[in-house]
mmCIF file of all heavy atoms, coordinates in Angstrom:
data_MODEL
# 
_entry.id   MODEL 
# 
loop_
_atom_site.group_PDB 
_atom_site.id 
_atom_site.type_symbol 
_atom_site.label_atom_id 
_atom_site.label_alt_id 
_atom_site.label_comp_id 
_atom_site.label_asym_id 
_atom_site.label_entity_id 
_atom_site.label_seq_id 
_atom_site.pdbx_PDB_ins_code 
_atom_site.Cartn_x 
_atom_site.Cartn_y 
_atom_site.Cartn_z 
_atom_site.occupancy 
_atom_site.B_iso_or_equiv 
_atom_site.pdbx_formal_charge 
_atom_site.auth_seq_id 
_atom_site.auth_comp_id 
_atom_site.auth_asym_id 
_atom_site.auth_atom_id 
_atom_site.pdbx_PDB_model_num 
ATOM 1   N N   . ILE A 1 1  ? 9.141   16.303  -0.471 1.00 0.00 ? 1  ILE A N   1 
ATOM 2   C CA  . ILE A 1 1  ? 8.433   15.731  0.691  1.00 0.00 ? 1  ILE A CA  1 
ATOM 3   C C   . ILE A 1 1  ? 7.155   15.041  0.233  1.00 0.00 ? 1  ILE A C   1 
ATOM 4   O O   . ILE A 1 1  ? 6.867   13.897  0.613  1.00 0.00 ? 1  ILE A O   1 
ATOM 5   C CB  . ILE A 1 1  ? 8.130   16.835  1.731  1.00 0.00 ? 1  ILE A CB  1 
ATOM 6   C CG1 . ILE A 1 1  ? 9.438   17.311  2.382  1.00 0.00 ? 1  ILE A CG1 1 
ATOM 7   C CG2 . ILE A 1 1  ? 7.154   16.346  2.788  1.00 0.00 ? 1  ILE A CG2 1 
ATOM 8   C CD1 . ILE A 1 1  ? 9.287   18.573  3.232  1.00 0.00 ? 1  ILE A CD1 1 
ATOM 9   N N   . LEU A 1 2  ? 6.377   15.750  -0.614 1.00 0.00 ? 2  LEU A N   1 
ATOM 10  C CA  . LEU A 1 2  ? 5.116   15.171  -1.095 1.00 0.00 ? 2  LEU A CA  1 
ATOM 11  C C   . LEU A 1 2  ? 5.369   13.931  -1.955 1.00 0.00 ? 2  LEU A C   1 
ATOM 12  O O   . LEU A 1 2  ? 4.598   12.962  -1.890 1.00 0.00 ? 2  LEU A O   1 
ATOM 13  C CB  . LEU A 1 2  ? 4.330   16.216  -1.897 1.00 0.00 ? 2  LEU A CB  1 
ATOM 14  C CG  . LEU A 1 2  ? 3.729   17.352  -1.079 1.00 0.00 ? 2  LEU A CG  1 
ATOM 15  C CD1 . LEU A 1 2  ? 3.092   18.393  -1.992 1.00 0.00 ? 2  LEU A CD1 1 
ATOM 16  C CD2 . LEU A 1 2  ? 2.698   16.841  -0.081 1.00 0.00 ? 2  LEU A CD2 1 
ATOM 17  N N   . LYS A 1 3  ? 6.452   13.953  -2.741 1.00 0.00 ? 3  LYS A N   1 
ATOM 18  C CA  . LYS A 1 3  ? 6.784   12.791  -3.563 1.00 0.00 ? 3  LYS A CA  1 
ATOM 19  C C   . LYS A 1 3  ? 7.109   11.605  -2.669 1.00 0.00 ? 3  LYS A C   1 
ATOM 20  O O   . LYS A 1 3  ? 6.642   10.479  -2.923 1.00 0.00 ? 3  LYS A O   1 
ATOM 21  C CB  . LYS A 1 3  ? 7.967   13.147  -4.462 1.00 0.00 ? 3  LYS A CB  1 
ATOM 22  C CG  . LYS A 1 3  ? 8.240   12.142  -5.544 1.00 0.00 ? 3  LYS A CG  1 
ATOM 23  C CD  . LYS A 1 3  ? 9.327   12.656  -6.474 1.00 0.00 ? 3  LYS A CD  1 
ATOM 24  C CE  . LYS A 1 3  ? 9.656   11.640  -7.538 1.00 0.00 ? 3  LYS A CE  1 
ATOM 25  N NZ  . LYS A 1 3  ? 10.724  12.097  -8.416 1.00 0.00 ? 3  LYS A NZ  1 
ATOM 26  N N   . ASN A 1 4  ? 7.901   11.837  -1.607 1.00 0.00 ? 4  ASN A N   1 
ATOM 27  C CA  . ASN A 1 4  ? 8.230   10.759  -0.665 1.00 0.00 ? 4  ASN A CA  1 
ATOM 28  C C   . ASN A 1 4  ? 6.970   10.247  0.024  1.00 0.00 ? 4  ASN A C   1 
ATOM 29  O O   . ASN A 1 4  ? 6.793   9.036   0.187  1.00 0.00 ? 4  ASN A O   1 
ATOM 30  C CB  . ASN A 1 4  ? 9.250   11.242  0.368  1.00 0.00 ? 4  ASN A CB  1 
ATOM 31  C CG  . ASN A 1 4  ? 10.619  11.462  -0.236 1.00 0.00 ? 4  ASN A CG  1 
ATOM 32  O OD1 . ASN A 1 4  ? 10.931  10.901  -1.286 1.00 0.00 ? 4  ASN A OD1 1 
ATOM 33  N ND2 . ASN A 1 4  ? 11.435  12.279  0.399  1.00 0.00 ? 4  ASN A ND2 1 
ATOM 34  N N   . GLN A 1 5  ? 6.107   11.187  0.431  1.00 0.00 ? 5  GLN A N   1 
ATOM 35  C CA  . GLN A 1 5  ? 4.843   10.776  1.060  1.00 0.00 ? 5  GLN A CA  1 
ATOM 36  C C   . GLN A 1 5  ? 4.015   9.954   0.086  1.00 0.00 ? 5  GLN A C   1 
ATOM 37  O O   . GLN A 1 5  ? 3.398   8.953   0.460  1.00 0.00 ? 5  GLN A O   1 
ATOM 38  C CB  . GLN A 1 5  ? 4.046   12.005  1.518  1.00 0.00 ? 5  GLN A CB  1 
ATOM 39  C CG  . GLN A 1 5  ? 4.609   12.690  2.739  1.00 0.00 ? 5  GLN A CG  1 
ATOM 40  C CD  . GLN A 1 5  ? 3.816   13.933  3.116  1.00 0.00 ? 5  GLN A CD  1 
ATOM 41  O OE1 . GLN A 1 5  ? 2.980   14.403  2.360  1.00 0.00 ? 5  GLN A OE1 1 
ATOM 42  N NE2 . GLN A 1 5  ? 4.102   14.475  4.284  1.00 0.00 ? 5  GLN A NE2 1 
ATOM 43  N N   . HIS A 1 6  ? 4.004   10.391  -1.185 1.00 0.00 ? 6  HIS A N   1 
ATOM 44  C CA  . HIS A 1 6  ? 3.255   9.658   -2.210 1.00 0.00 ? 6  HIS A CA  1 
ATOM 45  C C   . HIS A 1 6  ? 3.798   8.240   -2.359 1.00 0.00 ? 6  HIS A C   1 
ATOM 46  O O   . HIS A 1 6  ? 3.027   7.276   -2.444 1.00 0.00 ? 6  HIS A O   1 
ATOM 47  C CB  . HIS A 1 6  ? 3.340   10.414  -3.544 1.00 0.00 ? 6  HIS A CB  1 
ATOM 48  C CG  . HIS A 1 6  ? 2.694   9.703   -4.683 1.00 0.00 ? 6  HIS A CG  1 
ATOM 49  N ND1 . HIS A 1 6  ? 1.326   9.557   -4.782 1.00 0.00 ? 6  HIS A ND1 1 
ATOM 50  C CD2 . HIS A 1 6  ? 3.218   9.087   -5.771 1.00 0.00 ? 6  HIS A CD2 1 
ATOM 51  C CE1 . HIS A 1 6  ? 1.048   8.871   -5.878 1.00 0.00 ? 6  HIS A CE1 1 
ATOM 52  N NE2 . HIS A 1 6  ? 2.180   8.584   -6.491 1.00 0.00 ? 6  HIS A NE2 1 
ATOM 53  N N   . GLU A 1 7  ? 5.121   8.127   -2.378 1.00 0.00 ? 7  GLU A N   1 
ATOM 54  C CA  . GLU A 1 7  ? 5.738   6.797   -2.476 1.00 0.00 ? 7  GLU A CA  1 
ATOM 55  C C   . GLU A 1 7  ? 5.361   5.941   -1.266 1.00 0.00 ? 7  GLU A C   1 
ATOM 56  O O   . GLU A 1 7  ? 5.043   4.755   -1.409 1.00 0.00 ? 7  GLU A O   1 
ATOM 57  C CB  . GLU A 1 7  ? 7.270   6.919   -2.591 1.00 0.00 ? 7  GLU A CB  1 
ATOM 58  C CG  . GLU A 1 7  ? 7.757   7.506   -3.898 1.00 0.00 ? 7  GLU A CG  1 
ATOM 59  C CD  . GLU A 1 7  ? 7.376   6.682   -5.108 1.00 0.00 ? 7  GLU A CD  1 
ATOM 60  O OE1 . GLU A 1 7  ? 7.383   5.445   -5.013 1.00 0.00 ? 7  GLU A OE1 1 
ATOM 61  O OE2 . GLU A 1 7  ? 7.044   7.278   -6.154 1.00 0.00 ? 7  GLU A OE2 1 
ATOM 62  N N   . ASP A 1 8  ? 5.397   6.554   -0.069 1.00 0.00 ? 8  ASP A N   1 
ATOM 63  C CA  . ASP A 1 8  ? 5.017   5.816   1.142  1.00 0.00 ? 8  ASP A CA  1 
ATOM 64  C C   . ASP A 1 8  ? 3.565   5.356   1.060  1.00 0.00 ? 8  ASP A C   1 
ATOM 65  O O   . ASP A 1 8  ? 3.250   4.208   1.394  1.00 0.00 ? 8  ASP A O   1 
ATOM 66  C CB  . ASP A 1 8  ? 5.212   6.696   2.388  1.00 0.00 ? 8  ASP A CB  1 
ATOM 67  C CG  . ASP A 1 8  ? 6.683   6.950   2.685  1.00 0.00 ? 8  ASP A CG  1 
ATOM 68  O OD1 . ASP A 1 8  ? 7.533   6.237   2.112  1.00 0.00 ? 8  ASP A OD1 1 
ATOM 69  O OD2 . ASP A 1 8  ? 6.971   7.864   3.491  1.00 0.00 ? 8  ASP A OD2 1 
ATOM 70  N N   . VAL A 1 9  ? 2.698   6.262   0.607  1.00 0.00 ? 9  VAL A N   1 
ATOM 71  C CA  . VAL A 1 9  ? 1.270   5.914   0.500  1.00 0.00 ? 9  VAL A CA  1 
ATOM 72  C C   . VAL A 1 9  ? 1.074   4.814   -0.542 1.00 0.00 ? 9  VAL A C   1 
ATOM 73  O O   . VAL A 1 9  ? 0.288   3.880   -0.331 1.00 0.00 ? 9  VAL A O   1 
ATOM 74  C CB  . VAL A 1 9  ? 0.428   7.180   0.158  1.00 0.00 ? 9  VAL A CB  1 
ATOM 75  C CG1 . VAL A 1 9  ? -0.978  6.810   -0.248 1.00 0.00 ? 9  VAL A CG1 1 
ATOM 76  C CG2 . VAL A 1 9  ? 0.400   8.123   1.352  1.00 0.00 ? 9  VAL A CG2 1 
ATOM 77  N N   . LYS A 1 10 ? 1.825   4.905   -1.666 1.00 0.00 ? 10 LYS A N   1 
ATOM 78  C CA  . LYS A 1 10 ? 1.729   3.849   -2.678 1.00 0.00 ? 10 LYS A CA  1 
ATOM 79  C C   . LYS A 1 10 ? 2.163   2.502   -2.096 1.00 0.00 ? 10 LYS A C   1 
ATOM 80  O O   . LYS A 1 10 ? 1.518   1.468   -2.322 1.00 0.00 ? 10 LYS A O   1 
ATOM 81  C CB  . LYS A 1 10 ? 2.617   4.200   -3.885 1.00 0.00 ? 10 LYS A CB  1 
ATOM 82  C CG  . LYS A 1 10 ? 1.887   4.918   -4.986 1.00 0.00 ? 10 LYS A CG  1 
ATOM 83  C CD  . LYS A 1 10 ? 2.787   5.382   -6.107 1.00 0.00 ? 10 LYS A CD  1 
ATOM 84  C CE  . LYS A 1 10 ? 3.447   4.300   -6.878 1.00 0.00 ? 10 LYS A CE  1 
ATOM 85  N NZ  . LYS A 1 10 ? 4.203   4.832   -8.046 1.00 0.00 ? 10 LYS A NZ  1 
ATOM 86  N N   . LYS A 1 11 ? 3.265   2.549   -1.310 1.00 0.00 ? 11 LYS A N   1 
ATOM 87  C CA  . LYS A 1 11 ? 3.767   1.308   -0.695 1.00 0.00 ? 11 LYS A CA  1 
ATOM 88  C C   . LYS A 1 11 ? 2.727   0.760   0.293  1.00 0.00 ? 11 LYS A C   1 
ATOM 89  O O   . LYS A 1 11 ? 2.457   -0.440  0.316  1.00 0.00 ? 11 LYS A O   1 
ATOM 90  C CB  . LYS A 1 11 ? 5.092   1.603   0.004  1.00 0.00 ? 11 LYS A CB  1 
ATOM 91  C CG  . LYS A 1 11 ? 5.823   0.379   0.474  1.00 0.00 ? 11 LYS A CG  1 
ATOM 92  C CD  . LYS A 1 11 ? 7.171   0.745   1.061  1.00 0.00 ? 11 LYS A CD  1 
ATOM 93  C CE  . LYS A 1 11 ? 7.889   -0.487  1.581  1.00 0.00 ? 11 LYS A CE  1 
ATOM 94  N NZ  . LYS A 1 11 ? 9.151   -0.152  2.220  1.00 0.00 ? 11 LYS A NZ  1 
ATOM 95  N N   . GLN A 1 12 ? 2.159   1.650   1.105  1.00 0.00 ? 12 GLN A N   1 
ATOM 96  C CA  . GLN A 1 12 ? 1.128   1.221   2.060  1.00 0.00 ? 12 GLN A CA  1 
ATOM 97  C C   . GLN A 1 12 ? -0.074  0.627   1.317  1.00 0.00 ? 12 GLN A C   1 
ATOM 98  O O   . GLN A 1 12 ? -0.633  -0.385  1.733  1.00 0.00 ? 12 GLN A O   1 
ATOM 99  C CB  . GLN A 1 12 ? 0.663   2.403   2.919  1.00 0.00 ? 12 GLN A CB  1 
ATOM 100 C CG  . GLN A 1 12 ? 1.656   2.842   3.970  1.00 0.00 ? 12 GLN A CG  1 
ATOM 101 C CD  . GLN A 1 12 ? 1.174   4.073   4.729  1.00 0.00 ? 12 GLN A CD  1 
ATOM 102 O OE1 . GLN A 1 12 ? 0.144   4.645   4.411  1.00 0.00 ? 12 GLN A OE1 1 
ATOM 103 N NE2 . GLN A 1 12 ? 1.934   4.477   5.734  1.00 0.00 ? 12 GLN A NE2 1 
ATOM 104 N N   . LEU A 1 13 ? -0.461  1.301   0.199  1.00 0.00 ? 13 LEU A N   1 
ATOM 105 C CA  . LEU A 1 13 ? -1.585  0.802   -0.589 1.00 0.00 ? 13 LEU A CA  1 
ATOM 106 C C   . LEU A 1 13 ? -1.283  -0.590  -1.118 1.00 0.00 ? 13 LEU A C   1 
ATOM 107 O O   . LEU A 1 13 ? -2.126  -1.489  -1.045 1.00 0.00 ? 13 LEU A O   1 
ATOM 108 C CB  . LEU A 1 13 ? -1.889  1.765   -1.745 1.00 0.00 ? 13 LEU A CB  1 
ATOM 109 C CG  . LEU A 1 13 ? -2.968  1.296   -2.718 1.00 0.00 ? 13 LEU A CG  1 
ATOM 110 C CD1 . LEU A 1 13 ? -4.321  1.221   -2.012 1.00 0.00 ? 13 LEU A CD1 1 
ATOM 111 C CD2 . LEU A 1 13 ? -3.045  2.211   -3.916 1.00 0.00 ? 13 LEU A CD2 1 
ATOM 112 N N   . LEU A 1 14 ? -0.071  -0.779  -1.631 1.00 0.00 ? 14 LEU A N   1 
ATOM 113 C CA  . LEU A 1 14 ? 0.316   -2.092  -2.148 1.00 0.00 ? 14 LEU A CA  1 
ATOM 114 C C   . LEU A 1 14 ? 0.282   -3.141  -1.031 1.00 0.00 ? 14 LEU A C   1 
ATOM 115 O O   . LEU A 1 14 ? -0.259  -4.242  -1.214 1.00 0.00 ? 14 LEU A O   1 
ATOM 116 C CB  . LEU A 1 14 ? 1.709   -2.011  -2.772 1.00 0.00 ? 14 LEU A CB  1 
ATOM 117 C CG  . LEU A 1 14 ? 2.183   -3.239  -3.534 1.00 0.00 ? 14 LEU A CG  1 
ATOM 118 C CD1 . LEU A 1 14 ? 1.266   -3.522  -4.702 1.00 0.00 ? 14 LEU A CD1 1 
ATOM 119 C CD2 . LEU A 1 14 ? 3.609   -3.039  -4.014 1.00 0.00 ? 14 LEU A CD2 1 
ATOM 120 N N   . ASP A 1 15 ? 0.838   -2.783  0.143  1.00 0.00 ? 15 ASP A N   1 
ATOM 121 C CA  . ASP A 1 15 ? 0.809   -3.704  1.284  1.00 0.00 ? 15 ASP A CA  1 
ATOM 122 C C   . ASP A 1 15 ? -0.628  -4.038  1.667  1.00 0.00 ? 15 ASP A C   1 
ATOM 123 O O   . ASP A 1 15 ? -0.961  -5.208  1.917  1.00 0.00 ? 15 ASP A O   1 
ATOM 124 C CB  . ASP A 1 15 ? 1.546   -3.092  2.486  1.00 0.00 ? 15 ASP A CB  1 
ATOM 125 C CG  . ASP A 1 15 ? 3.052   -2.999  2.250  1.00 0.00 ? 15 ASP A CG  1 
ATOM 126 O OD1 . ASP A 1 15 ? 3.542   -3.656  1.304  1.00 0.00 ? 15 ASP A OD1 1 
ATOM 127 O OD2 . ASP A 1 15 ? 3.713   -2.267  3.011  1.00 0.00 ? 15 ASP A OD2 1 
ATOM 128 N N   . LEU A 1 16 ? -1.479  -3.001  1.709  1.00 0.00 ? 16 LEU A N   1 
ATOM 129 C CA  . LEU A 1 16 ? -2.880  -3.233  2.085  1.00 0.00 ? 16 LEU A CA  1 
ATOM 130 C C   . LEU A 1 16 ? -3.609  -4.077  1.041  1.00 0.00 ? 16 LEU A C   1 
ATOM 131 O O   . LEU A 1 16 ? -4.438  -4.925  1.387  1.00 0.00 ? 16 LEU A O   1 
ATOM 132 C CB  . LEU A 1 16 ? -3.608  -1.890  2.280  1.00 0.00 ? 16 LEU A CB  1 
ATOM 133 C CG  . LEU A 1 16 ? -3.220  -1.113  3.538  1.00 0.00 ? 16 LEU A CG  1 
ATOM 134 C CD1 . LEU A 1 16 ? -3.876  0.266   3.530  1.00 0.00 ? 16 LEU A CD1 1 
ATOM 135 C CD2 . LEU A 1 16 ? -3.637  -1.869  4.794  1.00 0.00 ? 16 LEU A CD2 1 
ATOM 136 N N   . GLN A 1 17 ? -3.264  -3.857  -0.243 1.00 0.00 ? 17 GLN A N   1 
ATOM 137 C CA  . GLN A 1 17 ? -3.892  -4.680  -1.287 1.00 0.00 ? 17 GLN A CA  1 
ATOM 138 C C   . GLN A 1 17 ? -3.471  -6.135  -1.143 1.00 0.00 ? 17 GLN A C   1 
ATOM 139 O O   . GLN A 1 17 ? -4.303  -7.053  -1.267 1.00 0.00 ? 17 GLN A O   1 
ATOM 140 C CB  . GLN A 1 17 ? -3.516  -4.150  -2.673 1.00 0.00 ? 17 GLN A CB  1 
ATOM 141 C CG  . GLN A 1 17 ? -4.263  -2.899  -3.067 1.00 0.00 ? 17 GLN A CG  1 
ATOM 142 C CD  . GLN A 1 17 ? -3.783  -2.328  -4.395 1.00 0.00 ? 17 GLN A CD  1 
ATOM 143 O OE1 . GLN A 1 17 ? -2.662  -2.604  -4.833 1.00 0.00 ? 17 GLN A OE1 1 
ATOM 144 N NE2 . GLN A 1 17 ? -4.627  -1.531  -5.028 1.00 0.00 ? 17 GLN A NE2 1 
ATOM 145 N N   . LEU A 1 18 ? -2.174  -6.346  -0.862 1.00 0.00 ? 18 LEU A N   1 
ATOM 146 C CA  . LEU A 1 18 ? -1.702  -7.730  -0.659 1.00 0.00 ? 18 LEU A CA  1 
ATOM 147 C C   . LEU A 1 18 ? -2.392  -8.352  0.559  1.00 0.00 ? 18 LEU A C   1 
ATOM 148 O O   . LEU A 1 18 ? -2.844  -9.503  0.517  1.00 0.00 ? 18 LEU A O   1 
ATOM 149 C CB  . LEU A 1 18 ? -0.181  -7.755  -0.489 1.00 0.00 ? 18 LEU A CB  1 
ATOM 150 C CG  . LEU A 1 18 ? 0.640   -7.417  -1.739 1.00 0.00 ? 18 LEU A CG  1 
ATOM 151 C CD1 . LEU A 1 18 ? 2.115   -7.302  -1.384 1.00 0.00 ? 18 LEU A CD1 1 
ATOM 152 C CD2 . LEU A 1 18 ? 0.428   -8.471  -2.813 1.00 0.00 ? 18 LEU A CD2 1 
ATOM 153 N N   . GLN A 1 19 ? -2.454  -7.562  1.631  1.00 0.00 ? 19 GLN A N   1 
ATOM 154 C CA  . GLN A 1 19 ? -3.119  -8.047  2.849  1.00 0.00 ? 19 GLN A CA  1 
ATOM 155 C C   . GLN A 1 19 ? -4.597  -8.336  2.558  1.00 0.00 ? 19 GLN A C   1 
ATOM 156 O O   . GLN A 1 19 ? -5.136  -9.356  2.992  1.00 0.00 ? 19 GLN A O   1 
ATOM 157 C CB  . GLN A 1 19 ? -2.982  -6.990  3.952  1.00 0.00 ? 19 GLN A CB  1 
ATOM 158 C CG  . GLN A 1 19 ? -3.484  -7.441  5.302  1.00 0.00 ? 19 GLN A CG  1 
ATOM 159 C CD  . GLN A 1 19 ? -3.289  -6.339  6.342  1.00 0.00 ? 19 GLN A CD  1 
ATOM 160 O OE1 . GLN A 1 19 ? -2.735  -5.301  6.065  1.00 0.00 ? 19 GLN A OE1 1 
ATOM 161 N NE2 . GLN A 1 19 ? -3.768  -6.600  7.536  1.00 0.00 ? 19 GLN A NE2 1 
ATOM 162 N N   . HIS A 1 20 ? -5.230  -7.453  1.790  1.00 0.00 ? 20 HIS A N   1 
ATOM 163 C CA  . HIS A 1 20 ? -6.648  -7.636  1.442  1.00 0.00 ? 20 HIS A CA  1 
ATOM 164 C C   . HIS A 1 20 ? -6.828  -8.920  0.624  1.00 0.00 ? 20 HIS A C   1 
ATOM 165 O O   . HIS A 1 20 ? -7.761  -9.695  0.879  1.00 0.00 ? 20 HIS A O   1 
ATOM 166 C CB  . HIS A 1 20 ? -7.139  -6.420  0.641  1.00 0.00 ? 20 HIS A CB  1 
ATOM 167 C CG  . HIS A 1 20 ? -8.514  -6.571  0.098  1.00 0.00 ? 20 HIS A CG  1 
ATOM 168 N ND1 . HIS A 1 20 ? -9.635  -6.543  0.902  1.00 0.00 ? 20 HIS A ND1 1 
ATOM 169 C CD2 . HIS A 1 20 ? -8.959  -6.771  -1.168 1.00 0.00 ? 20 HIS A CD2 1 
ATOM 170 C CE1 . HIS A 1 20 ? -10.704 -6.722  0.157  1.00 0.00 ? 20 HIS A CE1 1 
ATOM 171 N NE2 . HIS A 1 20 ? -10.327 -6.848  -1.113 1.00 0.00 ? 20 HIS A NE2 1 
ATOM 172 N N   . ASN A 1 21 ? -5.927  -9.129  -0.335 1.00 0.00 ? 21 ASN A N   1 
ATOM 173 C CA  . ASN A 1 21 ? -6.030  -10.340 -1.161 1.00 0.00 ? 21 ASN A CA  1 
ATOM 174 C C   . ASN A 1 21 ? -5.841  -11.599 -0.322 1.00 0.00 ? 21 ASN A C   1 
ATOM 175 O O   . ASN A 1 21 ? -6.570  -12.588 -0.499 1.00 0.00 ? 21 ASN A O   1 
ATOM 176 C CB  . ASN A 1 21 ? -5.005  -10.297 -2.297 1.00 0.00 ? 21 ASN A CB  1 
ATOM 177 C CG  . ASN A 1 21 ? -5.374  -9.284  -3.359 1.00 0.00 ? 21 ASN A CG  1 
ATOM 178 O OD1 . ASN A 1 21 ? -6.530  -8.889  -3.464 1.00 0.00 ? 21 ASN A OD1 1 
ATOM 179 N ND2 . ASN A 1 21 ? -4.398  -8.848  -4.129 1.00 0.00 ? 21 ASN A ND2 1 
ATOM 180 N N   . SER A 1 22 ? -4.854  -11.563 0.611  1.00 0.00 ? 22 SER A N   1 
ATOM 181 C CA  . SER A 1 22 ? -4.646  -12.755 1.440  1.00 0.00 ? 22 SER A CA  1 
ATOM 182 C C   . SER A 1 22 ? -5.847  -12.975 2.366  1.00 0.00 ? 22 SER A C   1 
ATOM 183 O O   . SER A 1 22 ? -6.280  -14.109 2.563  1.00 0.00 ? 22 SER A O   1 
ATOM 184 C CB  . SER A 1 22 ? -3.346  -12.645 2.239  1.00 0.00 ? 22 SER A CB  1 
ATOM 185 O OG  . SER A 1 22 ? -3.456  -11.666 3.250  1.00 0.00 ? 22 SER A OG  1 
ATOM 186 N N   . LEU A 1 23 ? -6.407  -11.874 2.911  1.00 0.00 ? 23 LEU A N   1 
ATOM 187 C CA  . LEU A 1 23 ? -7.592  -12.011 3.759  1.00 0.00 ? 23 LEU A CA  1 
ATOM 188 C C   . LEU A 1 23 ? -8.786  -12.516 2.955  1.00 0.00 ? 23 LEU A C   1 
ATOM 189 O O   . LEU A 1 23 ? -9.589  -13.319 3.448  1.00 0.00 ? 23 LEU A O   1 
ATOM 190 C CB  . LEU A 1 23 ? -7.938  -10.671 4.429  1.00 0.00 ? 23 LEU A CB  1 
ATOM 191 C CG  . LEU A 1 23 ? -6.998  -10.217 5.551  1.00 0.00 ? 23 LEU A CG  1 
ATOM 192 C CD1 . LEU A 1 23 ? -7.358  -8.811  6.005  1.00 0.00 ? 23 LEU A CD1 1 
ATOM 193 C CD2 . LEU A 1 23 ? -7.072  -11.191 6.725  1.00 0.00 ? 23 LEU A CD2 1 
ATOM 194 N N   . LYS A 1 24 ? -8.884  -12.040 1.695  1.00 0.00 ? 24 LYS A N   1 
ATOM 195 C CA  . LYS A 1 24 ? -9.978  -12.498 0.843  1.00 0.00 ? 24 LYS A CA  1 
ATOM 196 C C   . LYS A 1 24 ? -9.853  -13.994 0.587  1.00 0.00 ? 24 LYS A C   1 
ATOM 197 O O   . LYS A 1 24 ? -10.835 -14.744 0.662  1.00 0.00 ? 24 LYS A O   1 
ATOM 198 C CB  . LYS A 1 24 ? -9.899  -11.707 -0.475 1.00 0.00 ? 24 LYS A CB  1 
ATOM 199 C CG  . LYS A 1 24 ? -11.194 -11.601 -1.232 1.00 0.00 ? 24 LYS A CG  1 
ATOM 200 C CD  . LYS A 1 24 ? -11.087 -10.427 -2.210 1.00 0.00 ? 24 LYS A CD  1 
ATOM 201 C CE  . LYS A 1 24 ? -11.158 -10.906 -3.613 1.00 0.00 ? 24 LYS A CE  1 
ATOM 202 N NZ  . LYS A 1 24 ? -11.132 -9.833  -4.608 1.00 0.00 ? 24 LYS A NZ  1 
ATOM 203 N N   . LEU A 1 25 ? -8.607  -14.441 0.305  1.00 0.00 ? 25 LEU A N   1 
ATOM 204 C CA  . LEU A 1 25 ? -8.363  -15.867 0.072  1.00 0.00 ? 25 LEU A CA  1 
ATOM 205 C C   . LEU A 1 25 ? -8.676  -16.671 1.327  1.00 0.00 ? 25 LEU A C   1 
ATOM 206 O O   . LEU A 1 25 ? -9.350  -17.716 1.268  1.00 0.00 ? 25 LEU A O   1 
ATOM 207 C CB  . LEU A 1 25 ? -6.903  -16.069 -0.358 1.00 0.00 ? 25 LEU A CB  1 
ATOM 208 C CG  . LEU A 1 25 ? -6.491  -17.470 -0.742 1.00 0.00 ? 25 LEU A CG  1 
ATOM 209 C CD1 . LEU A 1 25 ? -7.254  -17.923 -1.979 1.00 0.00 ? 25 LEU A CD1 1 
ATOM 210 C CD2 . LEU A 1 25 ? -4.992  -17.516 -1.000 1.00 0.00 ? 25 LEU A CD2 1 
# 
């Protein structure tokens, strides 16, 4: 469960980083 949650959080982090980069641009 924690591994799946970790993967979800990693995916969310990646999405947020992409969103942050596009917003920064």
